[in-house]
Amino acid sequence: MKNRETLDKIRPLLGLIIFSAIISILSPRFLTKSNLLNVFRQTSINAIIAAGMTFVILTSGIDLSVGSILGFSGAVAAKMLSTGSNIILALLVAIIIGAVAGILNGIIITKGKVQPFIATLAIMILLRGATMVFTSGRPIAVPIIKTISHEAGKTITTGGGEVSPIFRWIGTGNIWSIPVPIIIMAIVFIVCYYILNHTQFGRHIYAVGGNEEAALLSGVNTDKVKILAYTISGILAAVAGIIVTSRLSSAQPTAGDGYELDAIAAVVLGGTSLVGGQGTVIGTIIGALIIGILNNALNLMDVQSYYQMIAKAIVILIAVLLDKKEKSK
């Protein structure tokens, strides 16, 4: 029994190792330092969203609104920065938007007794429409700070804004040659790991997902736990929105489209059960890396994007079927 439990815990890691070994054989460029850093950088967005999604799925829920939260919060932050608002205020407002959207999801699900799929689908559509209205269907450019150089006795000015370079640094900067998005991803997972494994709230998350009725009878405020889970998911989606907007120096009206599917896939590939109560945030980051490596490998092999979608769907389907088969034993 112990051997089976151990195997269940390390299965995502074994899958990642085997998958990486196969890709390294197919493409020698895969294991280069620059490519691996690129994989982690590209994975960071999905991993941060998936970390929040882990909380939701552990409670036996689902959050389809994370992609729209990413898009709307990023658009608001970009608009504020383009009109001269303080960068700290813009970032804070973006995160508050994510938190409010998460709270709204949680309240509709717990107090309105609406299925998570339907509730978050409605919020997804609402925020996607709000983003289109807010942006008028056009990108919102974030001004780049002015830089002045002197060449041949002439003063040359580039850029036309007054935005702090800190904002660009969030999405494109480095600390000790490590991209900032990767560092943010690591911090997010450390915090989430601590919450799930070393706090009462974390224990309640697993209790609600394992058996909500039993958790309620034992004194757990299940509604509060669920609302907090969706709030965390919304906040982390907003953090991802800030990174995406910073990296592109603009907010795209379609930003975040389809991100919710990649996040759910990462959680499932990481071994978290869709029925709740079982899974780890460590498994989630492994799942996100599997998806990131798959995308990177297909790009290295010049596979067209249409086929990439098919390959990703097959990998996810296999993972879900294997998970279901194991749990039926």
Protein backbone atom coordinates (compact mmCIF):
# COMPACT_ATOMS: atom_id res chain seq x y z
CA MET A 1 0.00 0.00 0.00
CA LYS A 2 2.82 2.37 0.92
CA ASN A 3 4.60 1.60 -2.34
CA ARG A 4 1.46 2.48 -4.28
CA GLU A 5 1.04 5.76 -2.38
CA THR A 6 4.67 6.65 -3.00
CA LEU A 7 4.29 5.86 -6.69
CA ASP A 8 1.20 8.06 -6.88
CA LYS A 9 3.16 10.96 -5.36
CA ILE A 10 6.18 10.70 -7.64
CA ARG A 11 4.33 9.76 -10.85
CA PRO A 12 4.20 13.37 -12.16
CA LEU A 13 7.94 13.79 -11.47
CA LEU A 14 8.76 10.51 -13.21
CA GLY A 15 6.64 11.61 -16.14
CA LEU A 16 8.52 14.93 -16.31
CA ILE A 17 11.93 13.22 -16.22
CA ILE A 18 11.03 10.64 -18.87
CA PHE A 19 9.39 13.25 -21.08
CA SER A 20 12.41 15.56 -20.79
CA ALA A 21 14.79 12.71 -21.64
CA ILE A 22 12.81 11.88 -24.78
CA ILE A 23 12.74 15.53 -25.88
CA SER A 24 16.49 15.92 -25.28
CA ILE A 25 17.12 12.98 -27.62
CA LEU A 26 14.81 14.36 -30.30
CA SER A 27 16.23 17.88 -30.07
CA PRO A 28 19.83 18.54 -28.88
CA ARG A 29 18.93 22.23 -28.42
CA PHE A 30 16.50 21.40 -25.63
CA LEU A 31 19.06 21.10 -22.81
CA THR A 32 20.90 24.34 -23.57
CA LYS A 33 20.91 26.92 -20.76
CA SER A 34 19.19 29.59 -22.81
CA ASN A 35 16.40 27.23 -23.90
CA LEU A 36 15.79 25.91 -20.37
CA LEU A 37 15.54 29.46 -19.04
CA ASN A 38 13.10 30.20 -21.85
CA VAL A 39 11.01 27.16 -20.89
CA PHE A 40 10.81 28.32 -17.27
CA ARG A 41 10.06 31.89 -18.33
CA GLN A 42 7.24 30.78 -20.63
CA THR A 43 5.94 28.35 -18.01
CA SER A 44 5.87 30.93 -15.22
CA ILE A 45 2.58 32.54 -16.32
CA ASN A 46 0.68 29.26 -16.52
CA ALA A 47 2.31 27.99 -13.32
CA ILE A 48 1.23 31.04 -11.30
CA ILE A 49 -2.37 30.73 -12.53
CA ALA A 50 -2.29 26.97 -11.94
CA ALA A 51 -1.11 27.49 -8.35
CA GLY A 52 -4.34 29.37 -7.63
CA MET A 53 -6.34 26.81 -9.59
CA THR A 54 -4.93 24.10 -7.31
CA PHE A 55 -6.71 25.62 -4.31
CA VAL A 56 -10.00 25.67 -6.21
CA ILE A 57 -9.76 22.13 -7.60
CA LEU A 58 -8.75 20.77 -4.19
CA THR A 59 -12.14 22.00 -2.92
CA SER A 60 -13.80 20.06 -5.78
CA GLY A 61 -14.39 23.24 -7.76
CA ILE A 62 -13.24 24.74 -11.04
CA ASP A 63 -12.39 28.29 -12.13
CA LEU A 64 -12.90 29.13 -15.79
CA SER A 65 -12.60 32.88 -15.21
CA VAL A 66 -8.83 33.11 -14.57
CA GLY A 67 -7.95 33.96 -18.18
CA SER A 68 -10.48 36.79 -18.25
CA ILE A 69 -9.30 38.06 -14.85
CA LEU A 70 -5.77 38.14 -16.28
CA GLY A 71 -6.93 40.13 -19.30
CA PHE A 72 -9.10 42.65 -17.43
CA SER A 73 -6.68 43.31 -14.56
CA GLY A 74 -3.82 43.77 -17.02
CA ALA A 75 -5.88 46.19 -19.13
CA VAL A 76 -6.80 48.31 -16.10
CA ALA A 77 -3.17 48.43 -14.93
CA ALA A 78 -2.00 49.43 -18.43
CA LYS A 79 -4.65 52.16 -18.68
CA MET A 80 -3.72 53.60 -15.30
CA LEU A 81 -0.02 53.63 -16.20
CA SER A 82 -0.72 55.22 -19.58
CA THR A 83 -2.57 58.06 -17.87
CA GLY A 84 0.24 58.75 -15.41
CA SER A 85 -0.95 56.86 -12.33
CA ASN A 86 1.53 55.70 -9.72
CA ILE A 87 2.91 52.24 -10.51
CA ILE A 88 2.25 50.91 -7.00
CA LEU A 89 -1.37 52.08 -7.19
CA ALA A 90 -1.81 50.49 -10.63
CA LEU A 91 -0.45 47.15 -9.45
CA LEU A 92 -2.55 47.27 -6.28
CA VAL A 93 -5.74 48.00 -8.25
CA ALA A 94 -5.01 45.09 -10.61
CA ILE A 95 -4.61 42.70 -7.68
CA ILE A 96 -7.78 44.04 -6.01
CA ILE A 97 -9.68 43.38 -9.26
CA GLY A 98 -8.47 39.77 -9.15
CA ALA A 99 -9.48 39.43 -5.50
CA VAL A 100 -12.94 40.93 -6.07
CA ALA A 101 -13.56 38.65 -9.07
CA GLY A 102 -12.52 35.66 -6.97
CA ILE A 103 -14.77 36.70 -4.08
CA LEU A 104 -17.66 37.15 -6.51
CA ASN A 105 -17.08 33.65 -7.87
CA GLY A 106 -17.02 32.23 -4.36
CA ILE A 107 -20.18 34.03 -3.23
CA ILE A 108 -22.16 32.99 -6.31
CA ILE A 109 -21.08 29.37 -5.79
CA THR A 110 -21.58 29.18 -2.00
CA LYS A 111 -24.48 31.54 -1.35
CA GLY A 112 -26.17 31.27 -4.72
CA LYS A 113 -25.73 27.47 -4.81
CA VAL A 114 -24.59 27.66 -8.45
CA GLN A 115 -22.32 24.97 -9.90
CA PRO A 116 -18.69 26.21 -10.09
CA PHE A 117 -18.54 25.48 -13.82
CA ILE A 118 -21.57 27.70 -14.57
CA ALA A 119 -20.67 30.46 -12.09
CA THR A 120 -17.10 30.90 -13.29
CA LEU A 121 -18.15 30.56 -16.93
CA ALA A 122 -20.52 33.50 -16.42
CA ILE A 123 -17.80 35.60 -14.79
CA MET A 124 -15.41 34.61 -17.58
CA ILE A 125 -17.80 35.90 -20.24
CA LEU A 126 -18.63 39.01 -18.20
CA LEU A 127 -14.98 40.00 -17.72
CA ARG A 128 -14.06 39.16 -21.32
CA GLY A 129 -16.82 41.51 -22.48
CA ALA A 130 -15.75 44.15 -19.92
CA THR A 131 -12.18 43.96 -21.24
CA MET A 132 -13.37 44.48 -24.82
CA VAL A 133 -15.48 47.48 -23.75
CA PHE A 134 -12.69 48.93 -21.59
CA THR A 135 -10.06 48.63 -24.33
CA SER A 136 -12.47 49.35 -27.23
CA GLY A 137 -11.05 46.18 -28.76
CA ARG A 138 -7.59 47.76 -29.16
CA PRO A 139 -4.30 47.24 -27.29
CA ILE A 140 -3.43 49.71 -24.54
CA ALA A 141 0.24 50.64 -24.81
CA VAL A 142 2.27 51.19 -21.66
CA PRO A 143 4.60 54.18 -22.19
CA ILE A 144 8.31 53.50 -21.90
CA ILE A 145 10.40 55.81 -19.75
CA LYS A 146 12.45 58.44 -21.58
CA THR A 147 16.13 57.76 -22.07
CA ILE A 148 18.57 60.41 -23.17
CA SER A 149 21.86 59.78 -24.95
CA HIS A 150 24.45 62.04 -26.50
CA GLU A 151 25.93 61.19 -29.88
CA ALA A 152 28.14 63.44 -32.00
CA GLY A 153 27.16 66.46 -29.95
CA LYS A 154 23.42 65.78 -30.39
CA THR A 155 20.92 64.88 -27.70
CA ILE A 156 18.74 61.90 -28.64
CA THR A 157 15.59 61.12 -26.66
CA THR A 158 13.78 57.80 -26.95
CA GLY A 159 10.45 56.84 -25.44
CA GLY A 160 7.67 59.19 -24.56
CA GLY A 161 6.34 58.20 -21.16
CA GLU A 162 7.16 58.57 -17.51
CA VAL A 163 6.49 55.02 -16.34
CA SER A 164 9.01 53.63 -13.89
CA PRO A 165 11.34 51.03 -15.43
CA ILE A 166 10.31 48.80 -12.53
CA PHE A 167 7.16 47.87 -14.44
CA ARG A 168 9.12 46.62 -17.44
CA TRP A 169 11.52 44.91 -15.07
CA ILE A 170 8.67 42.77 -13.65
CA GLY A 171 8.18 41.00 -16.96
CA THR A 172 11.58 41.25 -18.61
CA GLY A 173 14.16 41.90 -15.88
CA ASN A 174 16.69 39.56 -14.28
CA ILE A 175 18.12 38.95 -10.83
CA TRP A 176 21.48 37.18 -10.92
CA SER A 177 20.74 36.17 -14.53
CA ILE A 178 17.42 34.59 -13.48
CA PRO A 179 14.32 36.13 -15.15
CA VAL A 180 12.08 37.94 -12.65
CA PRO A 181 8.92 36.00 -13.72
CA ILE A 182 10.67 32.77 -12.68
CA ILE A 183 11.52 34.26 -9.28
CA ILE A 184 7.91 35.43 -8.82
CA MET A 185 6.74 31.92 -9.76
CA ALA A 186 9.07 30.39 -7.16
CA ILE A 187 7.84 32.77 -4.44
CA VAL A 188 4.21 32.02 -5.30
CA PHE A 189 4.77 28.27 -5.05
CA ILE A 190 6.68 28.53 -1.77
CA VAL A 191 3.86 30.57 -0.23
CA CYS A 192 1.17 28.24 -1.62
CA TYR A 193 3.08 25.17 -0.39
CA TYR A 194 3.30 26.66 3.09
CA ILE A 195 -0.40 27.56 3.16
CA LEU A 196 -1.54 24.11 2.04
CA ASN A 197 0.83 22.12 4.24
CA HIS A 198 1.40 24.20 7.36
CA THR A 199 -1.78 26.18 8.07
CA GLN A 200 -5.25 25.41 9.34
CA PHE A 201 -6.72 26.89 6.18
CA GLY A 202 -4.71 24.40 4.11
CA ARG A 203 -6.05 21.50 6.14
CA HIS A 204 -9.57 22.84 5.69
CA ILE A 205 -9.04 23.02 1.90
CA TYR A 206 -8.29 19.28 1.81
CA ALA A 207 -11.13 18.52 4.23
CA VAL A 208 -13.72 20.36 2.13
CA GLY A 209 -12.57 18.64 -1.04
CA GLY A 210 -12.39 15.22 0.57
CA ASN A 211 -15.82 15.29 2.18
CA GLU A 212 -17.61 18.62 2.41
CA GLU A 213 -20.45 17.32 4.59
CA ALA A 214 -18.06 15.77 7.09
CA ALA A 215 -15.98 18.96 7.14
CA LEU A 216 -19.12 21.03 7.84
CA LEU A 217 -20.16 18.71 10.68
CA SER A 218 -16.70 18.99 12.21
CA GLY A 219 -17.03 22.76 12.45
CA VAL A 220 -15.31 23.92 9.26
CA ASN A 221 -16.86 27.01 7.66
CA THR A 222 -16.98 25.46 4.19
CA ASP A 223 -18.40 28.55 2.50
CA LYS A 224 -15.56 30.70 3.84
CA VAL A 225 -12.96 28.15 2.73
CA LYS A 226 -14.36 28.06 -0.80
CA ILE A 227 -14.59 31.84 -1.08
CA LEU A 228 -10.97 32.18 0.05
CA ALA A 229 -9.87 29.51 -2.44
CA TYR A 230 -11.47 31.41 -5.34
CA THR A 231 -10.05 34.68 -4.00
CA ILE A 232 -6.52 33.24 -4.09
CA SER A 233 -7.15 32.00 -7.62
CA GLY A 234 -8.30 35.47 -8.70
CA ILE A 235 -5.34 37.23 -7.08
CA LEU A 236 -2.79 34.95 -8.74
CA ALA A 237 -4.52 35.37 -12.11
CA ALA A 238 -4.13 39.14 -11.65
CA VAL A 239 -0.43 38.70 -10.79
CA ALA A 240 -0.03 36.74 -14.03
CA GLY A 241 -1.86 39.57 -15.85
CA ILE A 242 0.64 42.10 -14.52
CA ILE A 243 3.57 39.99 -15.74
CA VAL A 244 2.04 39.50 -19.20
CA THR A 245 1.28 43.23 -19.57
CA SER A 246 4.78 44.14 -18.39
CA ARG A 247 6.44 41.71 -20.79
CA LEU A 248 4.49 43.00 -23.81
CA SER A 249 4.51 46.67 -22.69
CA SER A 250 0.83 46.66 -23.59
CA ALA A 251 -2.49 45.14 -22.62
CA GLN A 252 -4.07 43.09 -25.40
CA PRO A 253 -7.90 42.85 -25.43
CA THR A 254 -7.64 39.07 -25.94
CA ALA A 255 -4.93 38.51 -23.31
CA GLY A 256 -5.48 35.39 -21.25
CA ASP A 257 -7.74 33.72 -23.81
CA GLY A 258 -7.55 29.96 -23.21
CA TYR A 259 -5.21 30.26 -20.21
CA GLU A 260 -7.77 28.65 -17.94
CA LEU A 261 -7.51 25.41 -19.92
CA ASP A 262 -3.72 25.27 -19.62
CA ALA A 263 -3.97 25.95 -15.88
CA ILE A 264 -6.51 23.16 -15.36
CA ALA A 265 -4.35 20.84 -17.45
CA ALA A 266 -1.28 21.64 -15.34
CA VAL A 267 -3.16 20.84 -12.13
CA VAL A 268 -4.50 17.55 -13.50
CA LEU A 269 -1.13 16.51 -14.97
CA GLY A 270 0.37 17.25 -11.55
CA GLY A 271 -1.79 14.58 -9.96
CA THR A 272 -4.52 16.68 -8.36
CA SER A 273 -7.87 14.92 -8.48
CA LEU A 274 -10.71 16.75 -10.21
CA VAL A 275 -13.10 15.46 -7.51
CA GLY A 276 -11.06 17.32 -4.88
CA GLY A 277 -9.26 16.52 -1.65
CA GLN A 278 -6.15 15.04 -3.21
CA GLY A 279 -3.15 16.75 -4.80
CA THR A 280 -0.16 18.99 -4.13
CA VAL A 281 1.11 22.34 -5.35
CA ILE A 282 4.46 20.69 -6.11
CA GLY A 283 2.64 18.37 -8.50
CA THR A 284 1.07 21.42 -10.12
CA ILE A 285 4.39 23.06 -10.96
CA ILE A 286 5.55 19.74 -12.41
CA GLY A 287 2.38 19.62 -14.51
CA ALA A 288 2.97 23.19 -15.70
CA LEU A 289 6.54 22.26 -16.65
CA ILE A 290 5.31 19.26 -18.63
CA ILE A 291 3.01 21.53 -20.65
CA GLY A 292 5.76 24.13 -21.04
CA ILE A 293 8.28 21.52 -22.21
CA LEU A 294 5.73 20.07 -24.62
CA ASN A 295 5.11 23.49 -26.18
CA ASN A 296 8.84 24.18 -26.35
CA ALA A 297 9.64 20.80 -27.88
CA LEU A 298 7.02 21.18 -30.58
CA ASN A 299 8.39 24.64 -31.40
CA LEU A 300 11.96 23.30 -31.58
CA MET A 301 10.76 20.65 -34.00
CA ASP A 302 8.89 23.27 -36.07
CA VAL A 303 5.51 21.65 -35.52
CA GLN A 304 2.62 23.90 -36.59
CA SER A 305 0.50 25.42 -33.83
CA TYR A 306 -2.59 23.48 -34.95
CA TYR A 307 -0.82 20.18 -34.35
CA GLN A 308 0.47 21.51 -31.03
CA MET A 309 -3.09 21.87 -29.79
CA ILE A 310 -3.85 18.27 -30.80
CA ALA A 311 -0.70 16.95 -29.10
CA LYS A 312 -1.49 18.87 -25.90
CA ALA A 313 -5.05 17.53 -25.87
CA ILE A 314 -3.82 13.94 -26.26
CA VAL A 315 -1.33 14.30 -23.38
CA ILE A 316 -4.00 15.77 -21.10
CA LEU A 317 -6.54 13.11 -22.03
CA ILE A 318 -4.06 10.31 -21.33
CA ALA A 319 -3.23 11.85 -17.94
CA VAL A 320 -6.91 12.11 -16.96
CA LEU A 321 -7.68 8.56 -18.08
CA LEU A 322 -4.69 7.17 -16.15
CA ASP A 323 -5.73 9.14 -13.06
CA LYS A 324 -9.29 7.82 -13.29
CA LYS A 325 -8.06 4.25 -13.79
CA GLU A 326 -5.81 4.44 -10.72
CA LYS A 327 -8.57 5.82 -8.52
CA SER A 328 -11.00 3.10 -9.63
CA LYS A 329 -8.71 0.32 -8.38
